Amino acid sequence: MIEPHQVRVMEERNHLMDKLQRLNSFVDSSTFHCLPFNEKDVLQRQRVAMAQYLSLLNERIGSWTTSTV
């Protein structure tokens, strides 16, 4: 049985995956390359932080037994 907090974590992970995918697409766009260096730097660091957070959420989800998810 999936616990309510597990559902919330999975929803958060899915939402973050979507946001990270959109950020990755933006970073690959010509618009991104026209931004000032400091804005590009902040967005690149944000992307790294989001990827790390996603990794942690995946680790949490992966630690749950298959029978509970």
PDB file of N, CA and C in Angstrom:
ATOM      1  N   MET A   1       0.842  -1.180   0.000  1.00  0.00           N
ATOM      2  CA  MET A   1       0.000   0.000   0.000  1.00  0.00           C
ATOM      3  C   MET A   1       0.891   1.249   0.000  1.00  0.00           C
ATOM      4  N   ILE A   2       0.547   2.193  -0.830  1.00  0.00           N
ATOM      5  CA  ILE A   2       1.311   3.429  -0.912  1.00  0.00           C
ATOM      6  C   ILE A   2       0.813   4.389   0.171  1.00  0.00           C
ATOM      7  N   GLU A   3       1.761   4.888   0.940  1.00  0.00           N
ATOM      8  CA  GLU A   3       1.442   5.835   2.002  1.00  0.00           C
ATOM      9  C   GLU A   3       1.238   7.233   1.405  1.00  0.00           C
ATOM     10  N   PRO A   4       0.436   8.071   2.077  1.00  0.00           N
ATOM     11  CA  PRO A   4       0.197   9.425   1.553  1.00  0.00           C
ATOM     12  C   PRO A   4       1.475  10.228   1.325  1.00  0.00           C
ATOM     13  N   HIS A   5       2.452  10.109   2.224  1.00  0.00           N
ATOM     14  CA  HIS A   5       3.694  10.861   2.031  1.00  0.00           C
ATOM     15  C   HIS A   5       4.471  10.353   0.821  1.00  0.00           C
ATOM     16  N   GLN A   6       4.341   9.058   0.515  1.00  0.00           N
ATOM     17  CA  GLN A   6       5.022   8.508  -0.648  1.00  0.00           C
ATOM     18  C   GLN A   6       4.405   9.055  -1.943  1.00  0.00           C
ATOM     19  N   VAL A   7       3.097   9.180  -1.938  1.00  0.00           N
ATOM     20  CA  VAL A   7       2.410   9.761  -3.099  1.00  0.00           C
ATOM     21  C   VAL A   7       2.888  11.191  -3.306  1.00  0.00           C
ATOM     22  N   ARG A   8       3.000  11.943  -2.223  1.00  0.00           N
ATOM     23  CA  ARG A   8       3.453  13.334  -2.330  1.00  0.00           C
ATOM     24  C   ARG A   8       4.880  13.411  -2.867  1.00  0.00           C
ATOM     25  N   VAL A   9       5.745  12.519  -2.408  1.00  0.00           N
ATOM     26  CA  VAL A   9       7.128  12.519  -2.880  1.00  0.00           C
ATOM     27  C   VAL A   9       7.177  12.175  -4.373  1.00  0.00           C
ATOM     28  N   MET A  10       6.387  11.212  -4.800  1.00  0.00           N
ATOM     29  CA  MET A  10       6.370  10.841  -6.220  1.00  0.00           C
ATOM     30  C   MET A  10       5.808  11.977  -7.078  1.00  0.00           C
ATOM     31  N   GLU A  11       4.789  12.662  -6.578  1.00  0.00           N
ATOM     32  CA  GLU A  11       4.244  13.804  -7.307  1.00  0.00           C
ATOM     33  C   GLU A  11       5.272  14.925  -7.393  1.00  0.00           C
ATOM     34  N   GLU A  12       5.975  15.163  -6.302  1.00  0.00           N
ATOM     35  CA  GLU A  12       7.021  16.185  -6.280  1.00  0.00           C
ATOM     36  C   GLU A  12       8.122  15.841  -7.273  1.00  0.00           C
ATOM     37  N   ARG A  13       8.521  14.569  -7.305  1.00  0.00           N
ATOM     38  CA  ARG A  13       9.535  14.112  -8.252  1.00  0.00           C
ATOM     39  C   ARG A  13       9.078  14.330  -9.692  1.00  0.00           C
ATOM     40  N   ASN A  14       7.832  13.975  -9.981  1.00  0.00           N
ATOM     41  CA  ASN A  14       7.323  14.136 -11.344  1.00  0.00           C
ATOM     42  C   ASN A  14       7.270  15.607 -11.750  1.00  0.00           C
ATOM     43  N   HIS A  15       6.860  16.457 -10.830  1.00  0.00           N
ATOM     44  CA  HIS A  15       6.808  17.893 -11.089  1.00  0.00           C
ATOM     45  C   HIS A  15       8.220  18.437 -11.331  1.00  0.00           C
ATOM     46  N   LEU A  16       9.165  18.020 -10.510  1.00  0.00           N
ATOM     47  CA  LEU A  16      10.545  18.464 -10.658  1.00  0.00           C
ATOM     48  C   LEU A  16      11.140  17.975 -11.973  1.00  0.00           C
ATOM     49  N   MET A  17      10.845  16.744 -12.353  1.00  0.00           N
ATOM     50  CA  MET A  17      11.341  16.215 -13.628  1.00  0.00           C
ATOM     51  C   MET A  17      10.860  17.076 -14.792  1.00  0.00           C
ATOM     52  N   ASP A  18       9.588  17.478 -14.735  1.00  0.00           N
ATOM     53  CA  ASP A  18       9.022  18.318 -15.787  1.00  0.00           C
ATOM     54  C   ASP A  18       9.728  19.679 -15.823  1.00  0.00           C
ATOM     55  N   LYS A  19       9.910  20.289 -14.661  1.00  0.00           N
ATOM     56  CA  LYS A  19      10.573  21.591 -14.594  1.00  0.00           C
ATOM     57  C   LYS A  19      12.015  21.505 -15.078  1.00  0.00           C
ATOM     58  N   LEU A  20      12.704  20.446 -14.703  1.00  0.00           N
ATOM     59  CA  LEU A  20      14.094  20.273 -15.114  1.00  0.00           C
ATOM     60  C   LEU A  20      14.185  20.061 -16.628  1.00  0.00           C
ATOM     61  N   GLN A  21      13.262  19.308 -17.175  1.00  0.00           N
ATOM     62  CA  GLN A  21      13.251  19.093 -18.627  1.00  0.00           C
ATOM     63  C   GLN A  21      13.043  20.418 -19.359  1.00  0.00           C
ATOM     64  N   ARG A  22      12.128  21.248 -18.846  1.00  0.00           N
ATOM     65  CA  ARG A  22      11.889  22.545 -19.476  1.00  0.00           C
ATOM     66  C   ARG A  22      13.120  23.452 -19.357  1.00  0.00           C
ATOM     67  N   LEU A  23      13.775  23.417 -18.209  1.00  0.00           N
ATOM     68  CA  LEU A  23      14.990  24.209 -18.044  1.00  0.00           C
ATOM     69  C   LEU A  23      16.091  23.718 -18.978  1.00  0.00           C
ATOM     70  N   ASN A  24      16.242  22.417 -19.095  1.00  0.00           N
ATOM     71  CA  ASN A  24      17.240  21.858 -20.017  1.00  0.00           C
ATOM     72  C   ASN A  24      16.970  22.303 -21.455  1.00  0.00           C
ATOM     73  N   SER A  25      15.701  22.293 -21.843  1.00  0.00           N
ATOM     74  CA  SER A  25      15.345  22.741 -23.194  1.00  0.00           C
ATOM     75  C   SER A  25      15.686  24.217 -23.380  1.00  0.00           C
ATOM     76  N   PHE A  26      15.418  25.017 -22.363  1.00  0.00           N
ATOM     77  CA  PHE A  26      15.726  26.435 -22.449  1.00  0.00           C
ATOM     78  C   PHE A  26      17.233  26.670 -22.555  1.00  0.00           C
ATOM     79  N   VAL A  27      18.002  25.931 -21.772  1.00  0.00           N
ATOM     80  CA  VAL A  27      19.460  26.083 -21.806  1.00  0.00           C
ATOM     81  C   VAL A  27      20.010  25.727 -23.188  1.00  0.00           C
ATOM     82  N   ASP A  28      19.341  24.848 -23.893  1.00  0.00           N
ATOM     83  CA  ASP A  28      19.770  24.459 -25.235  1.00  0.00           C
ATOM     84  C   ASP A  28      19.277  25.418 -26.320  1.00  0.00           C
ATOM     85  N   SER A  29      18.488  26.425 -25.924  1.00  0.00           N
ATOM     86  CA  SER A  29      17.898  27.337 -26.904  1.00  0.00           C
ATOM     87  C   SER A  29      18.822  28.510 -27.225  1.00  0.00           C
ATOM     88  N   SER A  30      18.538  29.156 -28.335  1.00  0.00           N
ATOM     89  CA  SER A  30      19.304  30.346 -28.713  1.00  0.00           C
ATOM     90  C   SER A  30      19.022  31.508 -27.763  1.00  0.00           C
ATOM     91  N   THR A  31      17.844  31.551 -27.187  1.00  0.00           N
ATOM     92  CA  THR A  31      17.508  32.606 -26.227  1.00  0.00           C
ATOM     93  C   THR A  31      18.453  32.575 -25.035  1.00  0.00           C
ATOM     94  N   PHE A  32      18.720  31.371 -24.518  1.00  0.00           N
ATOM     95  CA  PHE A  32      19.632  31.232 -23.385  1.00  0.00           C
ATOM     96  C   PHE A  32      21.002  31.793 -23.720  1.00  0.00           C
ATOM     97  N   HIS A  33      21.481  31.494 -24.900  1.00  0.00           N
ATOM     98  CA  HIS A  33      22.833  31.901 -25.280  1.00  0.00           C
ATOM     99  C   HIS A  33      22.965  33.418 -25.447  1.00  0.00           C
ATOM    100  N   CYS A  34      21.839  34.118 -25.558  1.00  0.00           N
ATOM    101  CA  CYS A  34      21.857  35.583 -25.668  1.00  0.00           C
ATOM    102  C   CYS A  34      21.806  36.269 -24.304  1.00  0.00           C
ATOM    103  N   LEU A  35      21.617  35.517 -23.243  1.00  0.00           N
ATOM    104  CA  LEU A  35      21.531  36.107 -21.906  1.00  0.00           C
ATOM    105  C   LEU A  35      22.903  36.569 -21.423  1.00  0.00           C
ATOM    106  N   PRO A  36      22.907  37.526 -20.507  1.00  0.00           N
ATOM    107  CA  PRO A  36      24.176  37.926 -19.899  1.00  0.00           C
ATOM    108  C   PRO A  36      24.795  36.752 -19.139  1.00  0.00           C
ATOM    109  N   PHE A  37      26.120  36.794 -19.009  1.00  0.00           N
ATOM    110  CA  PHE A  37      26.844  35.703 -18.365  1.00  0.00           C
ATOM    111  C   PHE A  37      26.294  35.369 -16.984  1.00  0.00           C
ATOM    112  N   ASN A  38      26.033  36.394 -16.143  1.00  0.00           N
ATOM    113  CA  ASN A  38      25.592  36.118 -14.766  1.00  0.00           C
ATOM    114  C   ASN A  38      24.246  35.394 -14.733  1.00  0.00           C
ATOM    115  N   GLU A  39      23.341  35.716 -15.658  1.00  0.00           N
ATOM    116  CA  GLU A  39      22.058  35.003 -15.701  1.00  0.00           C
ATOM    117  C   GLU A  39      22.249  33.556 -16.143  1.00  0.00           C
ATOM    118  N   LYS A  40      23.104  33.358 -17.138  1.00  0.00           N
ATOM    119  CA  LYS A  40      23.385  31.984 -17.591  1.00  0.00           C
ATOM    120  C   LYS A  40      24.023  31.175 -16.474  1.00  0.00           C
ATOM    121  N   ASP A  41      24.924  31.801 -15.740  1.00  0.00           N
ATOM    122  CA  ASP A  41      25.592  31.118 -14.638  1.00  0.00           C
ATOM    123  C   ASP A  41      24.592  30.674 -13.577  1.00  0.00           C
ATOM    124  N   VAL A  42      23.694  31.576 -13.195  1.00  0.00           N
ATOM    125  CA  VAL A  42      22.690  31.233 -12.172  1.00  0.00           C
ATOM    126  C   VAL A  42      21.786  30.105 -12.662  1.00  0.00           C
ATOM    127  N   LEU A  43      21.368  30.167 -13.914  1.00  0.00           N
ATOM    128  CA  LEU A  43      20.504  29.108 -14.452  1.00  0.00           C
ATOM    129  C   LEU A  43      21.238  27.772 -14.524  1.00  0.00           C
ATOM    130  N   GLN A  44      22.518  27.802 -14.858  1.00  0.00           N
ATOM    131  CA  GLN A  44      23.303  26.561 -14.894  1.00  0.00           C
ATOM    132  C   GLN A  44      23.420  25.969 -13.487  1.00  0.00           C
ATOM    133  N   ARG A  45      23.657  26.835 -12.499  1.00  0.00           N
ATOM    134  CA  ARG A  45      23.761  26.341 -11.117  1.00  0.00           C
ATOM    135  C   ARG A  45      22.413  25.842 -10.619  1.00  0.00           C
ATOM    136  N   GLN A  46      21.329  26.512 -11.029  1.00  0.00           N
ATOM    137  CA  GLN A  46      19.987  26.048 -10.669  1.00  0.00           C
ATOM    138  C   GLN A  46      19.739  24.660 -11.260  1.00  0.00           C
ATOM    139  N   ARG A  47      20.159  24.473 -12.500  1.00  0.00           N
ATOM    140  CA  ARG A  47      19.967  23.175 -13.154  1.00  0.00           C
ATOM    141  C   ARG A  47      20.702  22.069 -12.411  1.00  0.00           C
ATOM    142  N   VAL A  48      21.909  22.344 -11.963  1.00  0.00           N
ATOM    143  CA  VAL A  48      22.682  21.359 -11.197  1.00  0.00           C
ATOM    144  C   VAL A  48      21.968  21.034  -9.883  1.00  0.00           C
ATOM    145  N   ALA A  49      21.499  22.076  -9.193  1.00  0.00           N
ATOM    146  CA  ALA A  49      20.813  21.864  -7.915  1.00  0.00           C
ATOM    147  C   ALA A  49      19.527  21.062  -8.108  1.00  0.00           C
ATOM    148  N   MET A  50      18.789  21.368  -9.154  1.00  0.00           N
ATOM    149  CA  MET A  50      17.551  20.634  -9.428  1.00  0.00           C
ATOM    150  C   MET A  50      17.849  19.171  -9.736  1.00  0.00           C
ATOM    151  N   ALA A  51      18.912  18.920 -10.492  1.00  0.00           N
ATOM    152  CA  ALA A  51      19.291  17.537 -10.819  1.00  0.00           C
ATOM    153  C   ALA A  51      19.704  16.782  -9.560  1.00  0.00           C
ATOM    154  N   GLN A  52      20.408  17.456  -8.663  1.00  0.00           N
ATOM    155  CA  GLN A  52      20.794  16.813  -7.403  1.00  0.00           C
ATOM    156  C   GLN A  52      19.562  16.500  -6.551  1.00  0.00           C
ATOM    157  N   TYR A  53      18.642  17.446  -6.499  1.00  0.00           N
ATOM    158  CA  TYR A  53      17.405  17.238  -5.742  1.00  0.00           C
ATOM    159  C   TYR A  53      16.610  16.083  -6.335  1.00  0.00           C
ATOM    160  N   LEU A  54      16.532  16.021  -7.662  1.00  0.00           N
ATOM    161  CA  LEU A  54      15.837  14.923  -8.324  1.00  0.00           C
ATOM    162  C   LEU A  54      16.489  13.592  -7.977  1.00  0.00           C
ATOM    163  N   SER A  55      17.803  13.570  -7.950  1.00  0.00           N
ATOM    164  CA  SER A  55      18.527  12.355  -7.593  1.00  0.00           C
ATOM    165  C   SER A  55      18.179  11.907  -6.172  1.00  0.00           C
ATOM    166  N   LEU A  56      18.091  12.865  -5.263  1.00  0.00           N
ATOM    167  CA  LEU A  56      17.730  12.528  -3.876  1.00  0.00           C
ATOM    168  C   LEU A  56      16.308  11.990  -3.782  1.00  0.00           C
ATOM    169  N   LEU A  57      15.378  12.609  -4.503  1.00  0.00           N
ATOM    170  CA  LEU A  57      14.004  12.108  -4.490  1.00  0.00           C
ATOM    171  C   LEU A  57      13.953  10.695  -5.072  1.00  0.00           C
ATOM    172  N   ASN A  58      14.694  10.455  -6.149  1.00  0.00           N
ATOM    173  CA  ASN A  58      14.737   9.109  -6.743  1.00  0.00           C
ATOM    174  C   ASN A  58      15.336   8.106  -5.766  1.00  0.00           C
ATOM    175  N   GLU A  59      16.333   8.547  -5.010  1.00  0.00           N
ATOM    176  CA  GLU A  59      16.937   7.663  -4.003  1.00  0.00           C
ATOM    177  C   GLU A  59      15.922   7.314  -2.923  1.00  0.00           C
ATOM    178  N   ARG A  60      15.164   8.307  -2.474  1.00  0.00           N
ATOM    179  CA  ARG A  60      14.134   8.033  -1.464  1.00  0.00           C
ATOM    180  C   ARG A  60      13.104   7.039  -1.989  1.00  0.00           C
ATOM    181  N   ILE A  61      12.637   7.290  -3.210  1.00  0.00           N
ATOM    182  CA  ILE A  61      11.625   6.411  -3.798  1.00  0.00           C
ATOM    183  C   ILE A  61      12.198   5.009  -3.991  1.00  0.00           C
ATOM    184  N   GLY A  62      13.443   4.940  -4.427  1.00  0.00           N
ATOM    185  CA  GLY A  62      14.082   3.646  -4.635  1.00  0.00           C
ATOM    186  C   GLY A  62      14.296   2.857  -3.356  1.00  0.00           C
ATOM    187  N   SER A  63      14.319   3.555  -2.218  1.00  0.00           N
ATOM    188  CA  SER A  63      14.538   2.853  -0.952  1.00  0.00           C
ATOM    189  C   SER A  63      13.270   2.170  -0.452  1.00  0.00           C
ATOM    190  N   TRP A  64      12.128   2.567  -1.011  1.00  0.00           N
ATOM    191  CA  TRP A  64      10.890   1.916  -0.608  1.00  0.00           C
ATOM    192  C   TRP A  64      10.821   0.539  -1.278  1.00  0.00           C
ATOM    193  N   THR A  65      10.301  -0.400  -0.567  1.00  0.00           N
ATOM    194  CA  THR A  65      10.201  -1.750  -1.159  1.00  0.00           C
ATOM    195  C   THR A  65       9.194  -1.745  -2.286  1.00  0.00           C
ATOM    196  N   THR A  66       9.390  -2.605  -3.239  1.00  0.00           N
ATOM    197  CA  THR A  66       8.506  -2.704  -4.404  1.00  0.00           C
ATOM    198  C   THR A  66       7.065  -2.945  -3.985  1.00  0.00           C
ATOM    199  N   SER A  67       6.860  -3.623  -2.896  1.00  0.00           N
ATOM    200  CA  SER A  67       5.504  -3.927  -2.466  1.00  0.00           C
ATOM    201  C   SER A  67       4.748  -2.711  -1.948  1.00  0.00           C
ATOM    202  N   THR A  68       5.474  -1.634  -1.598  1.00  0.00           N
ATOM    203  CA  THR A  68       4.780  -0.459  -1.069  1.00  0.00           C
ATOM    204  C   THR A  68       4.559   0.607  -2.118  1.00  0.00           C
ATOM    205  N   VAL A  69       5.163   0.456  -3.295  1.00  0.00           N
ATOM    206  CA  VAL A  69       5.004   1.490  -4.318  1.00  0.00           C
ATOM    207  C   VAL A  69       4.177   0.975  -5.460  1.00  0.00           C
TER     208      VAL A  69
END
